[in-house]
Amino acid sequence: MKKTLLIICAFLMSCIAFGQTKTLVFYQASYTDEAKILWDNAHATKRLLDTTSNPTKISESNLKNYNAIVFLNVSVNALNFQQSAELQRFMQAGGGFVGINLAIEKSYKWLWYNKMIGGTLTENQLNDKIQLSIITNASIGKNDLPPLWKIEDKPLIISPLPVRCKPVLLDVMGKTWAWYYTTEEGGKMFYTALGGDLSAYQNTVFISHIWAGIEEVSSKNLPDYEKIADTALPLEQNFLKVTLSDKLDNPLVLATTPSRNVVLVEQSGKIKIYNSQKRTTNFVGNLDATKLKAIKLDPEFTENGYIYTFSETNPNEYKIGRVEIMGDSLAIVTDFSSQSITPIQRNIVYDFDKNPNEAYRLPKYFDGKSFKFDNEQGFILETLDEDGNIKNIEPFLPIFRFNFIKDMTFGFDGGLYFLEDNSLMRIDYSEKNRKPIASASADVLSGNVPLKVKFSSSGSIDYDAKDILSFEWNFGGTNISREPNPEFVFSKIGTYDIKLKVTDSQGDSSDSVLKIQVNKGTVKRK
């Protein structure tokens, strides 16, 4: 069934004038009659309301004007990924949540919602509406409810509640039908399993019950988004999935180096290095890749060039080997061998502060989140508490398509590197314009005077598709060319640093330097 949302709200100045709070109500199109009853009741009691069917209103710019959100027979599954995150931020900022009946539907993409609402549905539910004898268990809000009342409805059957939930409505058998509590993030939550049948909304006590819940969770102050300024989910269009090297042969594992290069091993045992400056991938050596599970840099890699290989001999038991990386052209497998029974960490955790000066690092929203991938769920993020327990699971970049990711890691530039199918990939992020990447090459790098060299900028790239690139070659002094692929004749002996400057249409630029060695020619004998 197609779901439509309605938001009920009030303008800020009007609410201040009447001393009222502002409330949003989301509901499915099939529950329009129920929503109208609530609206009529609110109008009669001088509660301020507004309506919209546009789900894009679930954003900070709009939610900051409300004290509470009501989900009327609609769950978070009616929202997209961005809007789900905005609901969580609303509560983190101090907003209140009221769920009615089907609002308890399990989220398949946002674990936080399931934990926040408290209860879960049992397997067996009612087929027809019933009459309940309800006992009011607690005094909430300003609407007094009778201690014992009856209602015809089709409520949902809920499994036993967590201890933190405070029962509001019970029946004569002791079953809980409504509850509330203050969340760990500081917001308040109220849920009622009643409201599954239109007849319930014709019961004035039930309407009072809903308003009591709204009043209970509504703070006198509007949500304070300043205190969660760095928690906004970044827009997906600011991310870019970049192919660094393709046509690999079943790559298994990878590791990134401080020089921004990437070491990877293929199933055949071939060791390859992706050079980030030249953007080339070189074969550098071989090793035994039987049951190879991971490669890790030595803490002193910059000094010794060591990378350790972990091959599984038994579950969570590994034979450790060592490879010495020499530049980007040679890898030497040494005789070092050891054993380990320490499980390899399968999830990688992002550290935002580790790469403070990198232009394209992932934003702070992902700080401390654990990244993992499986072929069923795709890329997901896990948020852990101090004890390592999972607080939330959310998708990562669902607009992108990811297939068969075998290994991934964060680079020293803050980018996410991963092996997908037979390619080395990276996720870049930029809120604004991305700088172009300059790449200078030449047909010859050394020769005798006079030396004619054909230069090329063909490897230069800008990941912002609309940007137009301009080029400037500096051959020394006043010798400058603005052609993308110029020719130049060196008439003097020496070593020349040739600089290519690439500028995009936004004015951002980057440089690439190429060394040309011009030698003295051989003297010809008569």
Protein backbone atom coordinates (compact mmCIF):
# COMPACT_ATOMS: atom_id res chain seq x y z
CA MET A 1 0.00 0.00 0.00
CA LYS A 2 1.35 3.46 -0.89
CA LYS A 3 1.99 5.45 2.25
CA THR A 4 1.35 9.15 2.56
CA LEU A 5 2.44 11.29 5.45
CA LEU A 6 0.68 14.22 7.06
CA ILE A 7 2.41 16.67 9.33
CA ILE A 8 0.36 18.63 11.82
CA CYS A 9 2.12 21.65 13.25
CA ALA A 10 1.73 25.23 14.44
CA PHE A 11 3.61 28.43 13.82
CA LEU A 12 6.19 29.44 16.42
CA MET A 13 4.85 32.88 17.33
CA SER A 14 1.27 31.66 17.68
CA CYS A 15 2.37 28.89 20.03
CA ILE A 16 4.35 31.31 22.16
CA ALA A 17 1.34 33.59 22.35
CA PHE A 18 -0.96 30.80 23.57
CA GLY A 19 1.72 29.01 25.61
CA GLN A 20 1.22 25.87 23.54
CA THR A 21 3.62 23.32 22.15
CA LYS A 22 3.78 22.30 18.51
CA THR A 23 3.10 18.77 17.31
CA LEU A 24 3.57 16.84 14.05
CA VAL A 25 1.32 13.91 13.16
CA PHE A 26 2.34 11.42 10.45
CA TYR A 27 -0.29 9.03 9.12
CA GLN A 28 -1.10 6.74 6.23
CA ALA A 29 -3.63 7.84 3.66
CA SER A 30 -5.90 5.00 4.79
CA TYR A 31 -6.14 6.62 8.23
CA THR A 32 -7.39 10.02 7.04
CA ASP A 33 -10.64 9.70 9.05
CA GLU A 34 -8.71 9.03 12.26
CA ALA A 35 -6.45 12.02 11.60
CA LYS A 36 -9.46 14.25 10.91
CA ILE A 37 -11.00 13.28 14.26
CA LEU A 38 -7.77 14.31 15.99
CA TRP A 39 -7.64 17.53 14.02
CA ASP A 40 -11.28 18.40 14.84
CA ASN A 41 -10.67 17.69 18.51
CA ALA A 42 -7.53 19.80 18.53
CA HIS A 43 -9.35 22.66 16.81
CA ALA A 44 -12.19 22.46 19.34
CA THR A 45 -9.70 22.61 22.22
CA LYS A 46 -7.73 25.43 20.56
CA ARG A 47 -4.65 23.41 19.79
CA LEU A 48 -2.82 24.84 16.79
CA LEU A 49 -2.40 22.52 13.79
CA ASP A 50 -1.12 22.54 10.23
CA THR A 51 -1.09 19.75 7.66
CA THR A 52 1.13 18.56 4.82
CA SER A 53 1.55 15.36 2.84
CA ASN A 54 5.18 16.09 1.92
CA PRO A 55 7.65 13.73 3.70
CA THR A 56 10.58 15.98 2.78
CA LYS A 57 9.40 18.19 5.66
CA ILE A 58 11.14 15.68 7.92
CA SER A 59 14.29 17.77 8.05
CA GLU A 60 16.05 19.91 10.61
CA SER A 61 14.87 23.12 8.98
CA ASN A 62 11.28 22.05 9.60
CA LEU A 63 11.47 19.83 12.70
CA LYS A 64 13.21 22.50 14.75
CA ASN A 65 9.83 24.23 15.02
CA TYR A 66 8.10 21.32 16.79
CA ASN A 67 8.09 19.89 20.29
CA ALA A 68 6.72 16.45 19.46
CA ILE A 69 6.11 14.05 16.58
CA VAL A 70 3.16 11.65 16.45
CA PHE A 71 3.26 8.55 14.27
CA LEU A 72 -0.38 7.65 13.65
CA ASN A 73 -0.45 4.06 12.36
CA VAL A 74 2.73 4.58 10.36
CA SER A 75 6.28 3.49 11.17
CA VAL A 76 9.72 4.73 10.25
CA ASN A 77 9.57 2.44 7.20
CA ALA A 78 7.48 5.13 5.53
CA LEU A 79 10.52 7.43 5.57
CA ASN A 80 13.61 7.27 3.45
CA PHE A 81 17.10 6.90 4.86
CA GLN A 82 17.72 10.64 5.25
CA GLN A 83 14.37 11.26 6.95
CA SER A 84 14.90 8.34 9.34
CA ALA A 85 18.15 9.92 10.45
CA GLU A 86 16.39 13.25 10.91
CA LEU A 87 13.83 11.64 13.21
CA GLN A 88 16.63 10.33 15.40
CA ARG A 89 18.32 13.73 15.47
CA PHE A 90 15.03 15.36 16.44
CA MET A 91 14.91 13.24 19.57
CA GLN A 92 18.60 13.70 20.26
CA ALA A 93 17.91 17.44 20.21
CA GLY A 94 15.21 17.01 22.88
CA GLY A 95 12.08 16.40 20.84
CA GLY A 96 9.31 14.02 21.91
CA PHE A 97 7.83 11.01 20.12
CA VAL A 98 4.33 9.51 20.28
CA GLY A 99 3.60 6.24 18.49
CA ILE A 100 0.06 4.96 17.86
CA ASN A 101 -0.69 1.33 16.95
CA LEU A 102 1.21 0.44 13.75
CA ALA A 103 4.00 2.84 14.68
CA ILE A 104 5.60 -0.17 16.42
CA GLU A 105 6.17 -1.91 13.07
CA LYS A 106 9.77 -3.18 13.00
CA SER A 107 12.22 -1.12 11.01
CA TYR A 108 14.23 -3.10 8.48
CA LYS A 109 16.84 -0.37 8.04
CA TRP A 110 17.12 1.62 11.26
CA LEU A 111 17.81 -0.42 14.41
CA TRP A 112 17.68 2.67 16.60
CA TYR A 113 13.95 3.02 15.94
CA ASN A 114 13.21 -0.52 17.11
CA LYS A 115 15.11 0.05 20.34
CA MET A 116 13.61 3.49 20.88
CA ILE A 117 9.98 2.42 20.67
CA GLY A 118 10.56 -0.26 23.30
CA GLY A 119 8.24 -3.18 22.60
CA THR A 120 7.97 -5.67 19.76
CA LEU A 121 5.01 -7.38 18.14
CA THR A 122 4.17 -10.99 18.99
CA GLU A 123 3.59 -13.51 16.20
CA ASN A 124 -0.12 -13.90 16.93
CA GLN A 125 -2.30 -10.83 16.41
CA LEU A 126 -6.05 -10.19 16.55
CA ASN A 127 -8.19 -10.80 13.48
CA ASP A 128 -11.18 -8.83 14.74
CA LYS A 129 -11.76 -5.93 17.08
CA ILE A 130 -12.50 -6.65 20.72
CA GLN A 131 -13.74 -4.84 23.80
CA LEU A 132 -11.10 -4.07 26.43
CA SER A 133 -11.47 -3.11 30.06
CA ILE A 134 -8.60 -0.69 30.61
CA ILE A 135 -6.97 0.33 33.90
CA THR A 136 -5.17 3.68 33.97
CA ASN A 137 -1.89 2.86 35.65
CA ALA A 138 -0.16 6.26 35.72
CA SER A 139 -0.96 9.95 35.57
CA ILE A 140 0.65 11.54 32.51
CA GLY A 141 0.18 14.88 30.82
CA LYS A 142 -2.62 17.21 31.80
CA ASN A 143 -5.55 15.09 30.61
CA ASP A 144 -6.92 13.04 33.49
CA LEU A 145 -8.12 9.59 32.52
CA PRO A 146 -10.73 7.58 34.47
CA PRO A 147 -9.19 4.78 36.56
CA LEU A 148 -11.26 2.15 34.68
CA TRP A 149 -12.70 2.50 31.18
CA LYS A 150 -13.84 0.40 28.22
CA ILE A 151 -13.02 0.63 24.54
CA GLU A 152 -13.81 -1.26 21.33
CA ASP A 153 -10.67 -1.52 19.24
CA LYS A 154 -8.24 -3.76 17.39
CA PRO A 155 -5.06 -3.25 19.41
CA LEU A 156 -1.71 -4.83 18.72
CA ILE A 157 -0.35 -7.58 20.97
CA ILE A 158 3.07 -6.70 22.37
CA SER A 159 5.78 -8.95 23.82
CA PRO A 160 7.10 -8.27 27.36
CA LEU A 161 8.55 -4.77 27.67
CA PRO A 162 12.05 -3.70 28.68
CA VAL A 163 12.38 -2.63 32.33
CA ARG A 164 12.89 1.01 31.32
CA CYS A 165 9.33 1.27 29.94
CA LYS A 166 6.76 2.63 32.41
CA PRO A 167 3.26 1.16 31.88
CA VAL A 168 0.40 3.63 31.40
CA LEU A 169 -2.51 1.37 30.47
CA LEU A 170 -3.12 -2.18 31.68
CA ASP A 171 -6.04 -4.56 31.31
CA VAL A 172 -7.63 -6.67 34.02
CA MET A 173 -5.26 -9.51 33.12
CA GLY A 174 -2.21 -7.32 33.67
CA LYS A 175 -1.20 -6.92 29.98
CA THR A 176 0.39 -3.57 29.09
CA TRP A 177 -1.20 -1.56 26.28
CA ALA A 178 0.65 1.77 26.57
CA TRP A 179 3.93 2.98 28.06
CA TYR A 180 6.43 5.82 28.15
CA TYR A 181 10.02 6.52 29.19
CA THR A 182 12.89 9.01 28.79
CA THR A 183 15.36 7.79 26.18
CA GLU A 184 19.13 7.58 26.65
CA GLU A 185 19.50 10.56 24.33
CA GLY A 186 17.28 12.75 26.48
CA GLY A 187 14.08 12.79 24.41
CA LYS A 188 10.79 11.30 25.64
CA MET A 189 8.83 8.45 24.05
CA PHE A 190 5.18 7.42 24.46
CA TYR A 191 3.48 4.51 22.70
CA THR A 192 -0.04 3.11 22.73
CA ALA A 193 -1.04 -0.18 21.12
CA LEU A 194 -4.63 1.07 20.87
CA GLY A 195 -5.97 2.93 17.84
CA GLY A 196 -6.07 0.11 15.30
CA ASP A 197 -9.78 0.59 14.49
CA LEU A 198 -11.68 3.74 13.57
CA SER A 199 -14.18 3.10 16.36
CA ALA A 200 -11.44 3.75 18.95
CA TYR A 201 -11.16 7.37 17.81
CA GLN A 202 -14.85 7.86 18.52
CA ASN A 203 -14.08 7.12 22.18
CA THR A 204 -13.42 10.48 23.87
CA VAL A 205 -11.33 8.86 26.60
CA PHE A 206 -8.99 7.41 23.98
CA ILE A 207 -8.59 10.86 22.40
CA SER A 208 -7.72 12.23 25.84
CA HIS A 209 -5.25 9.36 26.18
CA ILE A 210 -3.46 10.47 23.00
CA TRP A 211 -3.29 14.10 24.08
CA ALA A 212 -1.99 13.05 27.49
CA GLY A 213 0.83 11.21 25.73
CA ILE A 214 1.62 14.22 23.58
CA GLU A 215 1.72 16.47 26.63
CA GLU A 216 3.95 14.00 28.48
CA VAL A 217 6.67 13.96 25.81
CA SER A 218 6.49 17.62 24.79
CA SER A 219 9.20 19.78 26.33
CA LYS A 220 8.43 23.43 26.98
CA ASN A 221 11.46 24.29 24.86
CA LEU A 222 11.99 23.60 21.20
CA PRO A 223 14.63 21.05 20.23
CA ASP A 224 18.19 22.32 20.64
CA TYR A 225 20.00 21.35 17.45
CA GLU A 226 23.10 23.28 18.48
CA LYS A 227 24.09 20.53 20.89
CA ILE A 228 24.07 17.94 18.07
CA ALA A 229 25.52 20.14 15.35
CA ASP A 230 27.93 17.49 14.04
CA THR A 231 25.41 14.66 13.85
CA ALA A 232 23.60 15.58 10.64
CA LEU A 233 23.63 12.80 8.06
CA PRO A 234 25.66 14.05 5.07
CA LEU A 235 23.87 14.34 1.75
CA GLU A 236 24.54 11.33 -0.44
CA GLN A 237 25.19 13.47 -3.51
CA ASN A 238 28.33 14.78 -1.79
CA PHE A 239 29.91 11.31 -2.00
CA LEU A 240 31.73 9.88 -4.95
CA LYS A 241 32.58 6.25 -5.72
CA VAL A 242 35.93 6.32 -7.51
CA THR A 243 37.55 3.47 -9.45
CA LEU A 244 41.29 3.57 -8.78
CA SER A 245 42.36 0.36 -10.51
CA ASP A 246 40.33 -2.14 -12.50
CA LYS A 247 41.06 -5.39 -14.34
CA LEU A 248 42.51 -6.95 -11.21
CA ASP A 249 42.48 -10.74 -10.92
CA ASN A 250 40.32 -11.71 -7.95
CA PRO A 251 41.96 -9.44 -5.33
CA LEU A 252 41.63 -10.72 -1.75
CA VAL A 253 43.11 -8.21 0.70
CA LEU A 254 44.51 -4.69 0.79
CA ALA A 255 46.38 -2.23 3.00
CA THR A 256 47.00 1.50 2.56
CA THR A 257 50.36 3.15 3.20
CA PRO A 258 51.25 6.59 4.61
CA SER A 259 52.31 7.64 1.09
CA ARG A 260 48.68 7.09 -0.04
CA ASN A 261 49.61 3.99 -2.03
CA VAL A 262 47.66 0.74 -1.74
CA VAL A 263 49.17 -2.72 -1.41
CA LEU A 264 46.91 -5.58 -2.51
CA VAL A 265 47.23 -9.33 -2.99
CA GLU A 266 45.35 -11.37 -5.59
CA GLN A 267 44.17 -14.94 -5.16
CA SER A 268 47.03 -16.17 -7.34
CA GLY A 269 49.49 -14.69 -4.82
CA LYS A 270 50.49 -11.71 -6.96
CA ILE A 271 51.39 -8.64 -4.90
CA LYS A 272 50.47 -5.37 -6.56
CA ILE A 273 50.88 -1.73 -5.56
CA TYR A 274 48.61 1.09 -6.65
CA ASN A 275 50.61 4.33 -6.87
CA SER A 276 48.32 7.23 -5.97
CA GLN A 277 50.52 9.87 -7.64
CA LYS A 278 51.00 8.08 -10.95
CA ARG A 279 47.62 6.29 -10.67
CA THR A 280 49.22 3.10 -11.94
CA THR A 281 49.11 -0.45 -10.57
CA ASN A 282 52.36 -2.45 -10.65
CA PHE A 283 53.13 -6.12 -10.05
CA VAL A 284 55.89 -6.26 -7.40
CA GLY A 285 56.18 -9.87 -6.24
CA ASN A 286 54.54 -13.17 -5.26
CA LEU A 287 53.56 -14.91 -2.03
CA ASP A 288 51.57 -17.95 -0.96
CA ALA A 289 47.98 -16.67 -0.74
CA THR A 290 46.47 -19.95 0.47
CA LYS A 291 43.74 -19.05 2.98
CA LEU A 292 45.07 -15.48 3.14
CA LYS A 293 42.65 -13.39 5.24
CA ALA A 294 44.37 -10.03 5.83
CA ILE A 295 47.52 -7.96 5.44
CA LYS A 296 48.59 -5.34 8.01
CA LEU A 297 51.25 -2.63 8.04
CA ASP A 298 54.05 -2.77 10.60
CA PRO A 299 53.76 0.19 13.04
CA GLU A 300 57.21 1.25 11.77
CA PHE A 301 56.32 0.73 8.11
CA THR A 302 57.74 4.09 7.04
CA GLU A 303 61.16 2.98 8.32
CA ASN A 304 61.20 -0.75 7.54
CA GLY A 305 58.59 -1.27 4.79
CA TYR A 306 57.20 -4.40 6.48
CA ILE A 307 53.72 -5.74 5.80
CA TYR A 308 52.45 -8.83 7.65
CA THR A 309 50.25 -11.50 6.08
CA PHE A 310 47.65 -13.47 8.04
CA SER A 311 46.70 -16.89 6.65
CA GLU A 312 44.09 -18.88 8.58
CA THR A 313 45.22 -22.34 9.70
CA ASN A 314 42.23 -23.00 12.00
CA PRO A 315 39.23 -20.86 12.97
CA ASN A 316 40.71 -17.68 14.50
CA GLU A 317 44.23 -19.10 14.28
CA TYR A 318 46.67 -17.56 11.81
CA LYS A 319 50.11 -18.13 10.36
CA ILE A 320 51.86 -14.77 10.06
CA GLY A 321 54.30 -14.03 7.27
CA ARG A 322 56.22 -10.90 6.37
CA VAL A 323 56.75 -8.98 3.14
CA GLU A 324 59.17 -6.10 2.70
CA ILE A 325 57.87 -3.40 0.37
CA MET A 326 60.56 -1.42 -1.42
CA GLY A 327 59.13 1.68 -3.08
CA ASP A 328 56.34 0.86 -5.48
CA SER A 329 58.23 -1.62 -7.67
CA LEU A 330 59.48 -4.48 -5.50
CA ALA A 331 58.21 -6.71 -2.68
CA ILE A 332 60.48 -9.26 -0.99
CA VAL A 333 58.92 -12.16 0.96
CA THR A 334 61.14 -12.83 3.99
CA ASP A 335 61.47 -15.96 6.13
CA PHE A 336 59.73 -14.39 9.13
CA SER A 337 56.98 -16.68 10.49
CA SER A 338 54.83 -16.63 13.60
CA GLN A 339 51.45 -17.77 14.91
CA SER A 340 48.50 -15.79 16.28
CA ILE A 341 45.25 -16.74 18.00
CA THR A 342 43.97 -13.17 18.11
CA PRO A 343 40.80 -12.88 15.98
CA ILE A 344 41.13 -10.50 13.05
CA GLN A 345 38.89 -7.48 13.46
CA ARG A 346 36.39 -7.76 10.63
CA ASN A 347 34.78 -4.32 11.16
CA ILE A 348 36.80 -1.17 10.62
CA VAL A 349 36.07 1.90 12.76
CA TYR A 350 36.35 5.42 11.38
CA ASP A 351 38.49 7.93 13.29
CA PHE A 352 37.60 11.45 12.14
CA ASP A 353 40.41 13.18 14.04
CA LYS A 354 43.11 10.97 12.51
CA ASN A 355 43.18 12.93 9.22
CA PRO A 356 42.57 16.60 10.16
CA ASN A 357 44.07 18.17 7.04
CA GLU A 358 42.68 15.89 4.36
CA ALA A 359 40.29 17.51 1.90
CA TYR A 360 38.12 14.49 1.09
CA ARG A 361 37.98 12.61 4.40
CA LEU A 362 34.59 11.32 5.50
CA PRO A 363 32.63 13.75 7.71
CA LYS A 364 32.40 13.66 11.51
CA TYR A 365 28.98 11.98 11.39
CA PHE A 366 30.81 8.68 10.84
CA ASP A 367 33.30 9.13 13.69
CA GLY A 368 33.41 6.01 15.86
CA LYS A 369 31.04 4.06 13.61
CA SER A 370 31.98 0.55 12.56
CA PHE A 371 31.83 -0.24 8.82
CA LYS A 372 31.00 -3.71 7.54
CA PHE A 373 29.65 -5.33 4.39
CA ASP A 374 27.74 -8.42 3.44
CA ASN A 375 26.09 -9.32 0.17
CA GLU A 376 22.58 -9.33 1.63
CA GLN A 377 22.57 -6.04 3.54
CA GLY A 378 25.24 -4.20 1.56
CA PHE A 379 27.31 -1.59 3.36
CA ILE A 380 26.06 -0.97 6.89
CA LEU A 381 27.23 1.06 9.87
CA GLU A 382 27.11 -0.06 13.47
CA THR A 383 27.13 2.45 16.31
CA LEU A 384 28.51 0.90 19.51
CA ASP A 385 28.20 1.97 23.13
CA GLU A 386 31.09 2.11 25.61
CA ASP A 387 30.73 -1.60 26.31
CA GLY A 388 30.84 -2.56 22.65
CA ASN A 389 27.11 -3.28 22.38
CA ILE A 390 25.32 -2.30 19.16
CA LYS A 391 23.16 0.81 19.63
CA ASN A 392 22.17 1.33 16.02
CA ILE A 393 22.53 -0.24 12.59
CA GLU A 394 22.03 1.92 9.52
CA PRO A 395 22.75 1.63 5.79
CA PHE A 396 25.75 3.37 4.23
CA LEU A 397 25.20 5.14 0.90
CA PRO A 398 22.19 3.09 -0.25
CA ILE A 399 22.06 5.11 -3.50
CA PHE A 400 25.26 3.37 -4.63
CA ARG A 401 25.46 -0.20 -5.79
CA PHE A 402 28.09 -2.38 -4.10
CA ASN A 403 28.91 -5.94 -5.16
CA PHE A 404 31.02 -8.63 -3.48
CA ILE A 405 33.31 -6.47 -1.37
CA LYS A 406 36.16 -8.65 -0.10
CA ASP A 407 38.22 -6.24 1.98
CA MET A 408 38.17 -2.60 3.03
CA THR A 409 40.13 -0.13 5.10
CA PHE A 410 40.48 3.58 5.75
CA GLY A 411 43.42 5.27 4.09
CA PHE A 412 45.75 7.84 5.61
CA ASP A 413 43.77 10.41 3.62
CA GLY A 414 40.53 9.56 5.44
CA GLY A 415 38.99 7.89 2.39
CA LEU A 416 37.32 4.48 2.45
CA TYR A 417 39.24 2.01 0.23
CA PHE A 418 37.74 -1.35 -0.74
CA LEU A 419 38.02 -4.23 -3.18
CA GLU A 420 34.84 -4.69 -5.20
CA ASP A 421 34.63 -7.44 -7.77
CA ASN A 422 37.96 -7.06 -9.61
CA SER A 423 38.56 -3.39 -8.87
CA LEU A 424 40.17 -1.18 -6.25
CA MET A 425 37.69 1.52 -5.22
CA ARG A 426 37.55 4.54 -2.93
CA ILE A 427 34.74 6.63 -1.42
CA ASP A 428 35.45 10.37 -1.50
CA TYR A 429 33.44 13.08 0.23
CA SER A 430 33.25 16.80 -0.37
CA GLU A 431 30.62 19.29 0.76
CA LYS A 432 31.77 21.76 -1.86
CA ASN A 433 33.84 21.65 -5.02
CA ARG A 434 36.42 18.90 -5.41
CA LYS A 435 39.88 19.95 -6.44
CA PRO A 436 41.12 18.54 -9.74
CA ILE A 437 43.93 16.00 -9.69
CA ALA A 438 46.91 16.93 -11.86
CA SER A 439 48.91 14.21 -13.59
CA ALA A 440 51.91 15.06 -15.75
CA SER A 441 53.66 12.54 -17.99
CA ALA A 442 56.14 12.59 -20.87
CA ASP A 443 57.25 10.32 -23.67
CA VAL A 444 60.87 10.50 -22.41
CA LEU A 445 62.30 11.54 -19.05
CA SER A 446 65.96 11.81 -20.00
CA GLY A 447 68.14 12.20 -23.05
CA ASN A 448 70.89 14.16 -24.72
CA VAL A 449 70.75 17.81 -25.63
CA PRO A 450 68.87 18.97 -27.61
CA LEU A 451 66.07 16.94 -26.08
CA LYS A 452 62.57 17.09 -27.57
CA VAL A 453 59.87 15.99 -25.11
CA LYS A 454 56.16 15.44 -25.67
CA PHE A 455 54.23 16.17 -22.48
CA SER A 456 50.76 14.91 -21.60
CA SER A 457 48.09 15.89 -19.06
CA SER A 458 45.81 13.01 -20.07
CA GLY A 459 45.87 11.47 -16.58
CA SER A 460 44.47 14.63 -14.99
CA ILE A 461 40.92 14.35 -13.75
CA ASP A 462 38.16 16.22 -11.92
CA TYR A 463 35.48 14.15 -10.18
CA ASP A 464 32.97 17.00 -10.44
CA ALA A 465 31.49 16.22 -13.83
CA LYS A 466 30.47 19.80 -14.65
CA ASP A 467 33.94 21.27 -14.11
CA ILE A 468 36.03 22.29 -17.13
CA LEU A 469 39.80 22.02 -16.72
CA SER A 470 42.50 24.42 -17.88
CA PHE A 471 46.23 23.63 -17.97
CA GLU A 472 49.46 25.52 -17.43
CA TRP A 473 52.91 23.99 -18.01
CA ASN A 474 55.98 25.76 -16.61
CA PHE A 475 59.25 24.68 -18.23
CA GLY A 476 61.30 27.19 -16.22
CA GLY A 477 61.47 30.99 -16.35
CA THR A 478 59.11 32.50 -18.90
CA ASN A 479 58.68 29.25 -20.81
CA ILE A 480 54.98 28.56 -20.22
CA SER A 481 52.41 26.66 -22.25
CA ARG A 482 48.65 26.47 -21.72
CA GLU A 483 48.13 23.58 -24.09
CA PRO A 484 47.02 20.31 -22.49
CA ASN A 485 49.70 18.28 -24.31
CA PRO A 486 52.58 20.54 -25.41
CA GLU A 487 56.02 19.78 -26.86
CA PHE A 488 59.22 21.44 -25.64
CA VAL A 489 62.87 21.28 -26.71
CA PHE A 490 65.50 21.49 -23.98
CA SER A 491 68.65 23.09 -25.34
CA LYS A 492 70.71 23.23 -22.15
CA ILE A 493 72.15 20.51 -19.94
CA GLY A 494 70.58 20.09 -16.51
CA THR A 495 67.81 18.67 -14.34
CA TYR A 496 64.45 20.37 -14.84
CA ASP A 497 61.41 20.32 -12.56
CA ILE A 498 58.50 20.67 -14.93
CA LYS A 499 55.28 21.75 -13.20
CA LEU A 500 51.79 21.15 -14.49
CA LYS A 501 49.06 23.24 -12.86
CA VAL A 502 45.48 22.09 -13.46
CA THR A 503 42.64 24.48 -12.59
CA ASP A 504 38.92 23.75 -12.61
CA SER A 505 36.09 26.12 -13.47
CA GLN A 506 35.59 26.90 -9.77
CA GLY A 507 39.14 28.23 -9.43
CA ASP A 508 40.53 25.28 -7.45
CA SER A 509 43.81 23.83 -8.66
CA SER A 510 46.48 21.20 -8.03
CA ASP A 511 50.03 20.67 -9.27
CA SER A 512 52.09 17.78 -10.56
CA VAL A 513 55.88 17.92 -10.94
CA LEU A 514 57.88 15.90 -13.44
CA LYS A 515 61.70 15.67 -13.53
CA ILE A 516 63.45 15.80 -16.90
CA GLN A 517 67.19 15.03 -17.11
CA VAL A 518 69.03 16.60 -20.05
CA ASN A 519 72.52 15.21 -20.61
CA LYS A 520 75.55 16.28 -22.63
CA GLY A 521 75.53 14.69 -26.03
CA THR A 522 78.26 12.31 -27.20
CA VAL A 523 80.97 14.00 -29.29
CA LYS A 524 81.11 12.50 -32.76
CA ARG A 525 84.58 11.63 -34.07
CA LYS A 526 85.59 12.33 -37.64
